[in-house]
Amino acid sequence: MKLPVSIIIPTFNEERSLPQLLTSLHNQSLSAAEIIVADAFSIDNTRKIARSFGCKIVEGGLPAKARNNGAKHANSPILLFLDADVTLPHYFLEETMREMADRRLDIASCFLTPRSNLTIDKFLHQFANQYMKITQKFHPHLPGCCIFVKKNTHLAIKGFDKSLLLAEDHDYLKRAKKISRFGYLKSYKVPVSVRRLSKEGRLKIALQYIGIELHLIFIGQIRNNIFNYKFGHFTKD
Protein backbone atom coordinates (compact mmCIF):
# COMPACT_ATOMS: atom_id res chain seq x y z
CA MET A 1 0.00 0.00 0.00
CA LYS A 2 1.27 3.46 -0.93
CA LEU A 3 0.22 6.67 0.73
CA PRO A 4 -1.39 9.37 -1.46
CA VAL A 5 1.52 11.77 -1.06
CA SER A 6 4.14 13.11 -3.47
CA ILE A 7 7.42 13.94 -1.75
CA ILE A 8 9.34 16.85 -3.27
CA ILE A 9 13.00 17.42 -2.41
CA PRO A 10 14.88 20.51 -3.67
CA THR A 11 18.58 19.70 -4.19
CA PHE A 12 21.87 21.22 -5.22
CA ASN A 13 25.00 19.13 -4.71
CA GLU A 14 23.46 16.94 -2.00
CA GLU A 15 25.34 13.68 -2.60
CA ARG A 16 26.35 13.47 1.06
CA SER A 17 22.90 13.98 2.60
CA LEU A 18 20.43 12.72 0.02
CA PRO A 19 21.21 8.98 0.43
CA GLN A 20 20.30 9.12 4.13
CA LEU A 21 16.96 10.78 3.43
CA LEU A 22 16.09 8.47 0.54
CA THR A 23 17.05 5.41 2.60
CA SER A 24 14.78 6.57 5.42
CA LEU A 25 11.96 7.05 2.90
CA HIS A 26 12.60 3.62 1.40
CA ASN A 27 12.35 2.11 4.90
CA GLN A 28 9.02 3.71 5.84
CA SER A 29 6.26 1.43 7.16
CA LEU A 30 4.08 2.79 4.33
CA SER A 31 5.77 4.38 1.35
CA ALA A 32 4.90 7.50 -0.61
CA ALA A 33 3.28 7.29 -4.03
CA GLU A 34 6.28 9.05 -5.57
CA ILE A 35 9.46 10.94 -4.75
CA ILE A 36 10.41 13.93 -6.88
CA VAL A 37 13.88 15.47 -6.74
CA ALA A 38 13.89 19.05 -8.03
CA ASP A 39 17.58 19.48 -8.77
CA ALA A 40 19.34 22.75 -9.57
CA PHE A 41 21.83 21.18 -12.02
CA SER A 42 24.09 19.60 -9.40
CA ILE A 43 27.69 18.95 -10.44
CA ASP A 44 28.15 16.04 -8.05
CA ASN A 45 26.37 12.65 -7.91
CA THR A 46 23.02 13.99 -6.66
CA ARG A 47 21.08 13.03 -9.78
CA LYS A 48 22.77 9.65 -10.06
CA ILE A 49 21.80 8.88 -6.45
CA ALA A 50 18.22 10.04 -7.02
CA ARG A 51 17.88 7.78 -10.07
CA SER A 52 19.27 4.81 -8.15
CA PHE A 53 16.40 5.20 -5.66
CA GLY A 54 13.81 5.45 -8.44
CA CYS A 55 13.07 9.15 -7.96
CA LYS A 56 11.56 11.36 -10.63
CA ILE A 57 14.00 14.18 -11.45
CA VAL A 58 12.82 17.64 -12.52
CA GLU A 59 14.47 21.02 -12.89
CA GLY A 60 15.07 22.86 -9.65
CA GLY A 61 16.60 26.14 -8.51
CA LEU A 62 16.26 28.17 -5.34
CA PRO A 63 13.83 26.57 -2.86
CA ALA A 64 10.66 28.35 -4.01
CA LYS A 65 11.24 27.57 -7.68
CA ALA A 66 12.25 23.97 -6.94
CA ARG A 67 9.19 23.30 -4.78
CA ASN A 68 6.83 24.85 -7.31
CA ASN A 69 8.28 22.87 -10.19
CA GLY A 70 8.19 19.65 -8.20
CA ALA A 71 4.54 20.30 -7.39
CA LYS A 72 3.73 20.77 -11.08
CA HIS A 73 4.93 17.21 -11.73
CA ALA A 74 3.25 15.68 -8.65
CA ASN A 75 0.36 13.26 -9.13
CA SER A 76 -0.88 12.91 -5.54
CA PRO A 77 -3.49 14.97 -3.65
CA ILE A 78 -1.03 15.69 -0.84
CA LEU A 79 2.44 17.20 -1.23
CA LEU A 80 5.29 16.83 1.24
CA PHE A 81 8.21 19.22 0.78
CA LEU A 82 11.38 17.97 2.49
CA ASP A 83 14.92 19.32 2.70
CA ALA A 84 17.63 16.92 1.57
CA ASP A 85 19.36 16.86 4.97
CA VAL A 86 16.50 15.49 7.07
CA THR A 87 15.88 11.84 7.92
CA LEU A 88 12.55 10.33 8.90
CA PRO A 89 11.70 7.67 11.53
CA HIS A 90 10.26 4.35 10.34
CA TYR A 91 6.56 5.17 10.99
CA PHE A 92 6.79 8.89 10.18
CA LEU A 93 4.76 8.98 6.96
CA GLU A 94 2.10 6.57 8.15
CA GLU A 95 1.44 8.32 11.45
CA THR A 96 1.76 11.94 10.34
CA MET A 97 -0.52 11.37 7.36
CA ARG A 98 -3.07 9.72 9.66
CA GLU A 99 -2.89 12.63 12.11
CA MET A 100 -3.26 15.17 9.30
CA ALA A 101 -6.41 13.38 8.11
CA ASP A 102 -7.84 12.93 11.63
CA ARG A 103 -7.38 16.63 12.41
CA ARG A 104 -8.64 17.65 8.96
CA LEU A 105 -5.60 19.80 8.29
CA ASP A 106 -4.92 21.25 4.85
CA ILE A 107 -1.37 22.37 5.60
CA ALA A 108 0.89 21.16 8.39
CA SER A 109 4.44 20.92 9.64
CA CYS A 110 6.36 19.40 12.53
CA PHE A 111 8.53 20.67 15.30
CA LEU A 112 12.26 20.00 14.99
CA THR A 113 14.89 17.95 16.77
CA PRO A 114 18.61 18.19 15.97
CA ARG A 115 20.68 15.26 14.76
CA SER A 116 23.25 16.18 17.39
CA ASN A 117 24.07 15.32 20.98
CA LEU A 118 25.33 18.81 21.80
CA THR A 119 23.37 20.59 24.52
CA ILE A 120 23.55 23.90 22.65
CA ASP A 121 21.93 22.35 19.56
CA LYS A 122 19.13 20.85 21.63
CA PHE A 123 18.58 24.19 23.33
CA LEU A 124 18.47 26.16 20.06
CA HIS A 125 15.95 23.79 18.47
CA GLN A 126 13.78 23.63 21.58
CA PHE A 127 13.79 27.43 21.69
CA ALA A 128 12.71 27.52 18.04
CA ASN A 129 9.92 25.01 18.75
CA GLN A 130 8.60 27.03 21.67
CA TYR A 131 8.73 30.23 19.64
CA MET A 132 6.71 28.61 16.86
CA LYS A 133 4.15 27.40 19.42
CA ILE A 134 3.77 30.81 21.00
CA THR A 135 3.47 32.76 17.75
CA GLN A 136 1.35 30.32 15.73
CA LYS A 137 -1.89 32.29 16.16
CA PHE A 138 -0.65 35.77 15.20
CA HIS A 139 2.71 35.27 13.40
CA PRO A 140 2.82 31.63 12.22
CA HIS A 141 5.98 29.93 11.00
CA LEU A 142 6.44 27.03 8.63
CA PRO A 143 9.74 25.12 8.81
CA GLY A 144 10.70 24.70 5.17
CA CYS A 145 12.39 21.39 5.86
CA CYS A 146 9.00 19.66 6.27
CA ILE A 147 5.77 20.98 4.78
CA PHE A 148 2.63 18.89 4.27
CA VAL A 149 0.03 20.58 2.08
CA LYS A 150 -2.96 19.51 0.05
CA LYS A 151 -2.25 20.08 -3.62
CA ASN A 152 -5.47 22.01 -4.13
CA THR A 153 -4.37 24.45 -1.41
CA HIS A 154 -0.95 24.82 -3.06
CA LEU A 155 -2.60 25.55 -6.40
CA ALA A 156 -5.15 27.94 -4.91
CA ILE A 157 -2.42 30.21 -3.50
CA LYS A 158 -0.30 29.78 -6.65
CA GLY A 159 2.57 28.12 -4.83
CA PHE A 160 5.63 29.73 -3.28
CA ASP A 161 6.53 33.33 -4.14
CA LYS A 162 9.71 33.04 -6.23
CA SER A 163 10.46 36.75 -5.78
CA LEU A 164 11.22 36.23 -2.07
CA LEU A 165 14.82 35.39 -1.25
CA LEU A 166 14.22 34.38 2.36
CA ALA A 167 11.23 33.29 4.49
CA GLU A 168 9.23 32.24 1.44
CA ASP A 169 7.88 29.37 3.55
CA HIS A 170 6.41 31.76 6.13
CA ASP A 171 4.81 33.83 3.39
CA TYR A 172 3.40 30.60 1.91
CA LEU A 173 1.75 29.71 5.22
CA LYS A 174 0.41 33.22 5.72
CA ARG A 175 -1.43 33.02 2.40
CA ALA A 176 -2.50 29.40 2.89
CA LYS A 177 -4.02 30.07 6.32
CA LYS A 178 -6.50 32.48 4.75
CA ILE A 179 -8.22 29.60 2.93
CA SER A 180 -7.22 26.45 4.81
CA ARG A 181 -6.67 24.80 8.19
CA PHE A 182 -3.12 24.69 9.61
CA GLY A 183 -1.53 22.87 12.52
CA TYR A 184 1.73 21.47 13.86
CA LEU A 185 1.68 17.68 13.88
CA LYS A 186 2.27 16.01 17.23
CA SER A 187 3.15 12.53 15.94
CA TYR A 188 6.85 13.22 15.43
CA LYS A 189 9.51 15.85 15.49
CA VAL A 190 11.65 15.99 12.35
CA PRO A 191 15.34 15.09 12.85
CA VAL A 192 17.29 17.84 11.10
CA SER A 193 20.96 18.26 10.29
CA VAL A 194 23.07 20.82 12.16
CA ARG A 195 25.52 21.16 9.26
CA ARG A 196 24.83 24.87 8.78
CA LEU A 197 25.33 25.52 12.49
CA SER A 198 28.61 23.61 12.43
CA LYS A 199 29.92 25.24 9.28
CA GLU A 200 28.95 28.86 9.87
CA GLY A 201 28.86 29.00 13.66
CA ARG A 202 25.95 28.77 16.06
CA LEU A 203 26.10 32.38 17.27
CA LYS A 204 26.27 33.73 13.71
CA ILE A 205 23.29 31.66 12.57
CA ALA A 206 21.26 32.52 15.68
CA LEU A 207 21.85 36.25 15.14
CA GLN A 208 21.04 35.86 11.46
CA TYR A 209 17.68 34.23 12.21
CA ILE A 210 16.88 36.91 14.80
CA GLY A 211 17.64 39.56 12.17
CA ILE A 212 15.41 37.83 9.63
CA GLU A 213 12.59 37.58 12.15
CA LEU A 214 12.84 41.26 13.12
CA HIS A 215 12.85 42.23 9.45
CA LEU A 216 9.68 40.21 8.83
CA ILE A 217 7.90 41.74 11.82
CA PHE A 218 8.87 45.39 11.43
CA ILE A 219 9.75 45.81 7.74
CA GLY A 220 8.19 42.94 5.82
CA GLN A 221 9.16 40.48 3.12
CA ILE A 222 12.79 39.89 2.16
CA ARG A 223 13.50 40.22 -1.54
CA ASN A 224 17.23 41.07 -1.36
CA ASN A 225 20.10 39.11 0.17
CA ILE A 226 20.74 41.64 2.90
CA PHE A 227 21.73 38.88 5.33
CA ASN A 228 24.28 37.28 2.97
CA TYR A 229 22.46 33.96 3.31
CA LYS A 230 24.13 31.22 1.28
CA PHE A 231 22.31 28.46 -0.57
CA GLY A 232 23.62 25.09 -1.70
CA HIS A 233 27.16 25.34 -0.39
CA PHE A 234 27.42 21.97 1.35
CA THR A 235 29.59 20.32 -1.29
CA LYS A 236 32.66 18.25 -0.67
CA ASP A 237 35.71 20.25 0.38
C-alpha atoms as a PDB file:
ATOM      1  CA  MET A   1       0.000   0.000   0.000  1.00  0.00           C
ATOM      2  CA  LYS A   2       1.267   3.458  -0.930  1.00  0.00           C
ATOM      3  CA  LEU A   3       0.224   6.671   0.734  1.00  0.00           C
ATOM      4  CA  PRO A   4      -1.389   9.368  -1.463  1.00  0.00           C
ATOM      5  CA  VAL A   5       1.519  11.773  -1.064  1.00  0.00           C
ATOM      6  CA  SER A   6       4.137  13.109  -3.471  1.00  0.00           C
ATOM      7  CA  ILE A   7       7.418  13.940  -1.745  1.00  0.00           C
ATOM      8  CA  ILE A   8       9.341  16.852  -3.271  1.00  0.00           C
ATOM      9  CA  ILE A   9      12.996  17.419  -2.415  1.00  0.00           C
ATOM     10  CA  PRO A  10      14.884  20.511  -3.668  1.00  0.00           C
ATOM     11  CA  THR A  11      18.577  19.701  -4.193  1.00  0.00           C
ATOM     12  CA  PHE A  12      21.874  21.216  -5.222  1.00  0.00           C
ATOM     13  CA  ASN A  13      25.004  19.127  -4.714  1.00  0.00           C
ATOM     14  CA  GLU A  14      23.460  16.942  -1.997  1.00  0.00           C
ATOM     15  CA  GLU A  15      25.341  13.679  -2.596  1.00  0.00           C
ATOM     16  CA  ARG A  16      26.350  13.471   1.062  1.00  0.00           C
ATOM     17  CA  SER A  17      22.896  13.980   2.605  1.00  0.00           C
ATOM     18  CA  LEU A  18      20.430  12.720   0.024  1.00  0.00           C
ATOM     19  CA  PRO A  19      21.210   8.980   0.425  1.00  0.00           C
ATOM     20  CA  GLN A  20      20.302   9.122   4.127  1.00  0.00           C
ATOM     21  CA  LEU A  21      16.964  10.776   3.428  1.00  0.00           C
ATOM     22  CA  LEU A  22      16.087   8.466   0.542  1.00  0.00           C
ATOM     23  CA  THR A  23      17.046   5.409   2.595  1.00  0.00           C
ATOM     24  CA  SER A  24      14.775   6.570   5.422  1.00  0.00           C
ATOM     25  CA  LEU A  25      11.958   7.051   2.898  1.00  0.00           C
ATOM     26  CA  HIS A  26      12.596   3.620   1.397  1.00  0.00           C
ATOM     27  CA  ASN A  27      12.352   2.105   4.904  1.00  0.00           C
ATOM     28  CA  GLN A  28       9.018   3.707   5.842  1.00  0.00           C
ATOM     29  CA  SER A  29       6.261   1.431   7.165  1.00  0.00           C
ATOM     30  CA  LEU A  30       4.084   2.787   4.332  1.00  0.00           C
ATOM     31  CA  SER A  31       5.769   4.376   1.347  1.00  0.00           C
ATOM     32  CA  ALA A  32       4.903   7.504  -0.609  1.00  0.00           C
ATOM     33  CA  ALA A  33       3.284   7.287  -4.028  1.00  0.00           C
ATOM     34  CA  GLU A  34       6.284   9.053  -5.575  1.00  0.00           C
ATOM     35  CA  ILE A  35       9.458  10.943  -4.751  1.00  0.00           C
ATOM     36  CA  ILE A  36      10.409  13.933  -6.876  1.00  0.00           C
ATOM     37  CA  VAL A  37      13.879  15.466  -6.738  1.00  0.00           C
ATOM     38  CA  ALA A  38      13.892  19.046  -8.035  1.00  0.00           C
ATOM     39  CA  ASP A  39      17.576  19.479  -8.769  1.00  0.00           C
ATOM     40  CA  ALA A  40      19.343  22.751  -9.571  1.00  0.00           C
ATOM     41  CA  PHE A  41      21.834  21.180 -12.020  1.00  0.00           C
ATOM     42  CA  SER A  42      24.089  19.601  -9.403  1.00  0.00           C
ATOM     43  CA  ILE A  43      27.693  18.952 -10.443  1.00  0.00           C
ATOM     44  CA  ASP A  44      28.154  16.038  -8.047  1.00  0.00           C
ATOM     45  CA  ASN A  45      26.369  12.652  -7.907  1.00  0.00           C
ATOM     46  CA  THR A  46      23.022  13.989  -6.660  1.00  0.00           C
ATOM     47  CA  ARG A  47      21.080  13.032  -9.783  1.00  0.00           C
ATOM     48  CA  LYS A  48      22.768   9.653 -10.057  1.00  0.00           C
ATOM     49  CA  ILE A  49      21.799   8.882  -6.454  1.00  0.00           C
ATOM     50  CA  ALA A  50      18.223  10.045  -7.023  1.00  0.00           C
ATOM     51  CA  ARG A  51      17.885   7.782 -10.071  1.00  0.00           C
ATOM     52  CA  SER A  52      19.266   4.813  -8.151  1.00  0.00           C
ATOM     53  CA  PHE A  53      16.396   5.199  -5.657  1.00  0.00           C
ATOM     54  CA  GLY A  54      13.808   5.451  -8.436  1.00  0.00           C
ATOM     55  CA  CYS A  55      13.070   9.147  -7.959  1.00  0.00           C
ATOM     56  CA  LYS A  56      11.561  11.356 -10.626  1.00  0.00           C
ATOM     57  CA  ILE A  57      14.000  14.183 -11.447  1.00  0.00           C
ATOM     58  CA  VAL A  58      12.825  17.641 -12.517  1.00  0.00           C
ATOM     59  CA  GLU A  59      14.474  21.020 -12.895  1.00  0.00           C
ATOM     60  CA  GLY A  60      15.073  22.863  -9.647  1.00  0.00           C
ATOM     61  CA  GLY A  61      16.600  26.139  -8.513  1.00  0.00           C
ATOM     62  CA  LEU A  62      16.264  28.172  -5.339  1.00  0.00           C
ATOM     63  CA  PRO A  63      13.827  26.568  -2.857  1.00  0.00           C
ATOM     64  CA  ALA A  64      10.658  28.355  -4.014  1.00  0.00           C
ATOM     65  CA  LYS A  65      11.239  27.565  -7.683  1.00  0.00           C
ATOM     66  CA  ALA A  66      12.254  23.968  -6.939  1.00  0.00           C
ATOM     67  CA  ARG A  67       9.193  23.296  -4.782  1.00  0.00           C
ATOM     68  CA  ASN A  68       6.827  24.851  -7.309  1.00  0.00           C
ATOM     69  CA  ASN A  69       8.281  22.866 -10.188  1.00  0.00           C
ATOM     70  CA  GLY A  70       8.187  19.654  -8.205  1.00  0.00           C
ATOM     71  CA  ALA A  71       4.535  20.303  -7.388  1.00  0.00           C
ATOM     72  CA  LYS A  72       3.731  20.772 -11.085  1.00  0.00           C
ATOM     73  CA  HIS A  73       4.926  17.206 -11.731  1.00  0.00           C
ATOM     74  CA  ALA A  74       3.252  15.680  -8.654  1.00  0.00           C
ATOM     75  CA  ASN A  75       0.364  13.260  -9.129  1.00  0.00           C
ATOM     76  CA  SER A  76      -0.877  12.911  -5.538  1.00  0.00           C
ATOM     77  CA  PRO A  77      -3.492  14.966  -3.650  1.00  0.00           C
ATOM     78  CA  ILE A  78      -1.030  15.694  -0.842  1.00  0.00           C
ATOM     79  CA  LEU A  79       2.445  17.195  -1.228  1.00  0.00           C
ATOM     80  CA  LEU A  80       5.289  16.832   1.239  1.00  0.00           C
ATOM     81  CA  PHE A  81       8.212  19.215   0.783  1.00  0.00           C
ATOM     82  CA  LEU A  82      11.380  17.972   2.492  1.00  0.00           C
ATOM     83  CA  ASP A  83      14.920  19.319   2.703  1.00  0.00           C
ATOM     84  CA  ALA A  84      17.628  16.918   1.572  1.00  0.00           C
ATOM     85  CA  ASP A  85      19.360  16.862   4.971  1.00  0.00           C
ATOM     86  CA  VAL A  86      16.497  15.488   7.070  1.00  0.00           C
ATOM     87  CA  THR A  87      15.881  11.838   7.920  1.00  0.00           C
ATOM     88  CA  LEU A  88      12.545  10.326   8.903  1.00  0.00           C
ATOM     89  CA  PRO A  89      11.705   7.669  11.527  1.00  0.00           C
ATOM     90  CA  HIS A  90      10.256   4.348  10.336  1.00  0.00           C
ATOM     91  CA  TYR A  91       6.557   5.173  10.988  1.00  0.00           C
ATOM     92  CA  PHE A  92       6.793   8.888  10.181  1.00  0.00           C
ATOM     93  CA  LEU A  93       4.756   8.985   6.964  1.00  0.00           C
ATOM     94  CA  GLU A  94       2.097   6.570   8.147  1.00  0.00           C
ATOM     95  CA  GLU A  95       1.441   8.325  11.447  1.00  0.00           C
ATOM     96  CA  THR A  96       1.765  11.941  10.341  1.00  0.00           C
ATOM     97  CA  MET A  97      -0.522  11.375   7.363  1.00  0.00           C
ATOM     98  CA  ARG A  98      -3.073   9.724   9.663  1.00  0.00           C
ATOM     99  CA  GLU A  99      -2.893  12.629  12.107  1.00  0.00           C
ATOM    100  CA  MET A 100      -3.264  15.167   9.296  1.00  0.00           C
ATOM    101  CA  ALA A 101      -6.405  13.384   8.112  1.00  0.00           C
ATOM    102  CA  ASP A 102      -7.840  12.928  11.629  1.00  0.00           C
ATOM    103  CA  ARG A 103      -7.385  16.628  12.414  1.00  0.00           C
ATOM    104  CA  ARG A 104      -8.638  17.651   8.965  1.00  0.00           C
ATOM    105  CA  LEU A 105      -5.599  19.801   8.293  1.00  0.00           C
ATOM    106  CA  ASP A 106      -4.920  21.254   4.854  1.00  0.00           C
ATOM    107  CA  ILE A 107      -1.374  22.373   5.598  1.00  0.00           C
ATOM    108  CA  ALA A 108       0.890  21.158   8.393  1.00  0.00           C
ATOM    109  CA  SER A 109       4.436  20.923   9.637  1.00  0.00           C
ATOM    110  CA  CYS A 110       6.358  19.397  12.530  1.00  0.00           C
ATOM    111  CA  PHE A 111       8.528  20.669  15.301  1.00  0.00           C
ATOM    112  CA  LEU A 112      12.258  20.001  14.989  1.00  0.00           C
ATOM    113  CA  THR A 113      14.886  17.950  16.774  1.00  0.00           C
ATOM    114  CA  PRO A 114      18.611  18.185  15.972  1.00  0.00           C
ATOM    115  CA  ARG A 115      20.679  15.258  14.762  1.00  0.00           C
ATOM    116  CA  SER A 116      23.248  16.178  17.389  1.00  0.00           C
ATOM    117  CA  ASN A 117      24.070  15.316  20.976  1.00  0.00           C
ATOM    118  CA  LEU A 118      25.332  18.811  21.799  1.00  0.00           C
ATOM    119  CA  THR A 119      23.371  20.592  24.523  1.00  0.00           C
ATOM    120  CA  ILE A 120      23.545  23.900  22.649  1.00  0.00           C
ATOM    121  CA  ASP A 121      21.931  22.354  19.560  1.00  0.00           C
ATOM    122  CA  LYS A 122      19.129  20.845  21.626  1.00  0.00           C
ATOM    123  CA  PHE A 123      18.578  24.191  23.335  1.00  0.00           C
ATOM    124  CA  LEU A 124      18.468  26.159  20.060  1.00  0.00           C
ATOM    125  CA  HIS A 125      15.949  23.789  18.470  1.00  0.00           C
ATOM    126  CA  GLN A 126      13.784  23.632  21.584  1.00  0.00           C
ATOM    127  CA  PHE A 127      13.789  27.430  21.693  1.00  0.00           C
ATOM    128  CA  ALA A 128      12.707  27.517  18.035  1.00  0.00           C
ATOM    129  CA  ASN A 129       9.922  25.011  18.746  1.00  0.00           C
ATOM    130  CA  GLN A 130       8.601  27.028  21.667  1.00  0.00           C
ATOM    131  CA  TYR A 131       8.731  30.234  19.636  1.00  0.00           C
ATOM    132  CA  MET A 132       6.710  28.609  16.860  1.00  0.00           C
ATOM    133  CA  LYS A 133       4.152  27.398  19.417  1.00  0.00           C
ATOM    134  CA  ILE A 134       3.775  30.815  21.004  1.00  0.00           C
ATOM    135  CA  THR A 135       3.465  32.757  17.745  1.00  0.00           C
ATOM    136  CA  GLN A 136       1.348  30.318  15.728  1.00  0.00           C
ATOM    137  CA  LYS A 137      -1.894  32.287  16.163  1.00  0.00           C
ATOM    138  CA  PHE A 138      -0.649  35.768  15.199  1.00  0.00           C
ATOM    139  CA  HIS A 139       2.710  35.266  13.398  1.00  0.00           C
ATOM    140  CA  PRO A 140       2.824  31.630  12.215  1.00  0.00           C
ATOM    141  CA  HIS A 141       5.984  29.933  10.995  1.00  0.00           C
ATOM    142  CA  LEU A 142       6.436  27.034   8.626  1.00  0.00           C
ATOM    143  CA  PRO A 143       9.744  25.117   8.809  1.00  0.00           C
ATOM    144  CA  GLY A 144      10.699  24.704   5.165  1.00  0.00           C
ATOM    145  CA  CYS A 145      12.391  21.386   5.863  1.00  0.00           C
ATOM    146  CA  CYS A 146       9.002  19.658   6.275  1.00  0.00           C
ATOM    147  CA  ILE A 147       5.766  20.982   4.778  1.00  0.00           C
ATOM    148  CA  PHE A 148       2.631  18.890   4.269  1.00  0.00           C
ATOM    149  CA  VAL A 149       0.033  20.576   2.085  1.00  0.00           C
ATOM    150  CA  LYS A 150      -2.963  19.515   0.047  1.00  0.00           C
ATOM    151  CA  LYS A 151      -2.247  20.078  -3.624  1.00  0.00           C
ATOM    152  CA  ASN A 152      -5.472  22.010  -4.130  1.00  0.00           C
ATOM    153  CA  THR A 153      -4.366  24.453  -1.412  1.00  0.00           C
ATOM    154  CA  HIS A 154      -0.949  24.823  -3.065  1.00  0.00           C
ATOM    155  CA  LEU A 155      -2.605  25.551  -6.395  1.00  0.00           C
ATOM    156  CA  ALA A 156      -5.151  27.939  -4.909  1.00  0.00           C
ATOM    157  CA  ILE A 157      -2.423  30.207  -3.497  1.00  0.00           C
ATOM    158  CA  LYS A 158      -0.301  29.777  -6.649  1.00  0.00           C
ATOM    159  CA  GLY A 159       2.572  28.117  -4.825  1.00  0.00           C
ATOM    160  CA  PHE A 160       5.633  29.731  -3.277  1.00  0.00           C
ATOM    161  CA  ASP A 161       6.528  33.329  -4.137  1.00  0.00           C
ATOM    162  CA  LYS A 162       9.710  33.042  -6.231  1.00  0.00           C
ATOM    163  CA  SER A 163      10.462  36.749  -5.781  1.00  0.00           C
ATOM    164  CA  LEU A 164      11.218  36.232  -2.074  1.00  0.00           C
ATOM    165  CA  LEU A 165      14.821  35.388  -1.247  1.00  0.00           C
ATOM    166  CA  LEU A 166      14.216  34.381   2.363  1.00  0.00           C
ATOM    167  CA  ALA A 167      11.233  33.289   4.493  1.00  0.00           C
ATOM    168  CA  GLU A 168       9.234  32.240   1.443  1.00  0.00           C
ATOM    169  CA  ASP A 169       7.882  29.367   3.551  1.00  0.00           C
ATOM    170  CA  HIS A 170       6.405  31.756   6.134  1.00  0.00           C
ATOM    171  CA  ASP A 171       4.807  33.832   3.389  1.00  0.00           C
ATOM    172  CA  TYR A 172       3.400  30.603   1.913  1.00  0.00           C
ATOM    173  CA  LEU A 173       1.753  29.707   5.221  1.00  0.00           C
ATOM    174  CA  LYS A 174       0.410  33.225   5.724  1.00  0.00           C
ATOM    175  CA  ARG A 175      -1.434  33.020   2.401  1.00  0.00           C
ATOM    176  CA  ALA A 176      -2.500  29.396   2.887  1.00  0.00           C
ATOM    177  CA  LYS A 177      -4.015  30.071   6.317  1.00  0.00           C
ATOM    178  CA  LYS A 178      -6.501  32.476   4.752  1.00  0.00           C
ATOM    179  CA  ILE A 179      -8.217  29.603   2.934  1.00  0.00           C
ATOM    180  CA  SER A 180      -7.217  26.448   4.811  1.00  0.00           C
ATOM    181  CA  ARG A 181      -6.668  24.802   8.189  1.00  0.00           C
ATOM    182  CA  PHE A 182      -3.118  24.689   9.607  1.00  0.00           C
ATOM    183  CA  GLY A 183      -1.528  22.873  12.522  1.00  0.00           C
ATOM    184  CA  TYR A 184       1.733  21.472  13.859  1.00  0.00           C
ATOM    185  CA  LEU A 185       1.678  17.683  13.883  1.00  0.00           C
ATOM    186  CA  LYS A 186       2.274  16.008  17.228  1.00  0.00           C
ATOM    187  CA  SER A 187       3.149  12.530  15.935  1.00  0.00           C
ATOM    188  CA  TYR A 188       6.847  13.218  15.427  1.00  0.00           C
ATOM    189  CA  LYS A 189       9.512  15.854  15.487  1.00  0.00           C
ATOM    190  CA  VAL A 190      11.649  15.991  12.354  1.00  0.00           C
ATOM    191  CA  PRO A 191      15.340  15.087  12.854  1.00  0.00           C
ATOM    192  CA  VAL A 192      17.288  17.840  11.100  1.00  0.00           C
ATOM    193  CA  SER A 193      20.959  18.264  10.290  1.00  0.00           C
ATOM    194  CA  VAL A 194      23.069  20.823  12.163  1.00  0.00           C
ATOM    195  CA  ARG A 195      25.524  21.160   9.260  1.00  0.00           C
ATOM    196  CA  ARG A 196      24.835  24.874   8.782  1.00  0.00           C
ATOM    197  CA  LEU A 197      25.332  25.523  12.494  1.00  0.00           C
ATOM    198  CA  SER A 198      28.607  23.613  12.431  1.00  0.00           C
ATOM    199  CA  LYS A 199      29.925  25.237   9.276  1.00  0.00           C
ATOM    200  CA  GLU A 200      28.954  28.863   9.866  1.00  0.00           C
ATOM    201  CA  GLY A 201      28.864  29.001  13.657  1.00  0.00           C
ATOM    202  CA  ARG A 202      25.951  28.769  16.064  1.00  0.00           C
ATOM    203  CA  LEU A 203      26.100  32.379  17.267  1.00  0.00           C
ATOM    204  CA  LYS A 204      26.269  33.735  13.713  1.00  0.00           C
ATOM    205  CA  ILE A 205      23.288  31.657  12.572  1.00  0.00           C
ATOM    206  CA  ALA A 206      21.260  32.525  15.678  1.00  0.00           C
ATOM    207  CA  LEU A 207      21.853  36.252  15.137  1.00  0.00           C
ATOM    208  CA  GLN A 208      21.043  35.864  11.457  1.00  0.00           C
ATOM    209  CA  TYR A 209      17.682  34.233  12.214  1.00  0.00           C
ATOM    210  CA  ILE A 210      16.884  36.907  14.799  1.00  0.00           C
ATOM    211  CA  GLY A 211      17.640  39.560  12.173  1.00  0.00           C
ATOM    212  CA  ILE A 212      15.408  37.834   9.633  1.00  0.00           C
ATOM    213  CA  GLU A 213      12.586  37.580  12.148  1.00  0.00           C
ATOM    214  CA  LEU A 214      12.837  41.256  13.123  1.00  0.00           C
ATOM    215  CA  HIS A 215      12.848  42.233   9.453  1.00  0.00           C
ATOM    216  CA  LEU A 216       9.676  40.210   8.830  1.00  0.00           C
ATOM    217  CA  ILE A 217       7.897  41.737  11.825  1.00  0.00           C
ATOM    218  CA  PHE A 218       8.867  45.395  11.426  1.00  0.00           C
ATOM    219  CA  ILE A 219       9.748  45.814   7.740  1.00  0.00           C
ATOM    220  CA  GLY A 220       8.192  42.944   5.824  1.00  0.00           C
ATOM    221  CA  GLN A 221       9.161  40.478   3.123  1.00  0.00           C
ATOM    222  CA  ILE A 222      12.788  39.886   2.161  1.00  0.00           C
ATOM    223  CA  ARG A 223      13.503  40.224  -1.543  1.00  0.00           C
ATOM    224  CA  ASN A 224      17.226  41.068  -1.363  1.00  0.00           C
ATOM    225  CA  ASN A 225      20.100  39.111   0.168  1.00  0.00           C
ATOM    226  CA  ILE A 226      20.743  41.645   2.902  1.00  0.00           C
ATOM    227  CA  PHE A 227      21.729  38.876   5.334  1.00  0.00           C
ATOM    228  CA  ASN A 228      24.283  37.284   2.974  1.00  0.00           C
ATOM    229  CA  TYR A 229      22.463  33.963   3.307  1.00  0.00           C
ATOM    230  CA  LYS A 230      24.135  31.216   1.284  1.00  0.00           C
ATOM    231  CA  PHE A 231      22.306  28.464  -0.569  1.00  0.00           C
ATOM    232  CA  GLY A 232      23.620  25.094  -1.701  1.00  0.00           C
ATOM    233  CA  HIS A 233      27.161  25.343  -0.391  1.00  0.00           C
ATOM    234  CA  PHE A 234      27.416  21.975   1.346  1.00  0.00           C
ATOM    235  CA  THR A 235      29.590  20.324  -1.294  1.00  0.00           C
ATOM    236  CA  LYS A 236      32.657  18.252  -0.667  1.00  0.00           C
ATOM    237  CA  ASP A 237      35.707  20.249   0.375  1.00  0.00           C
END
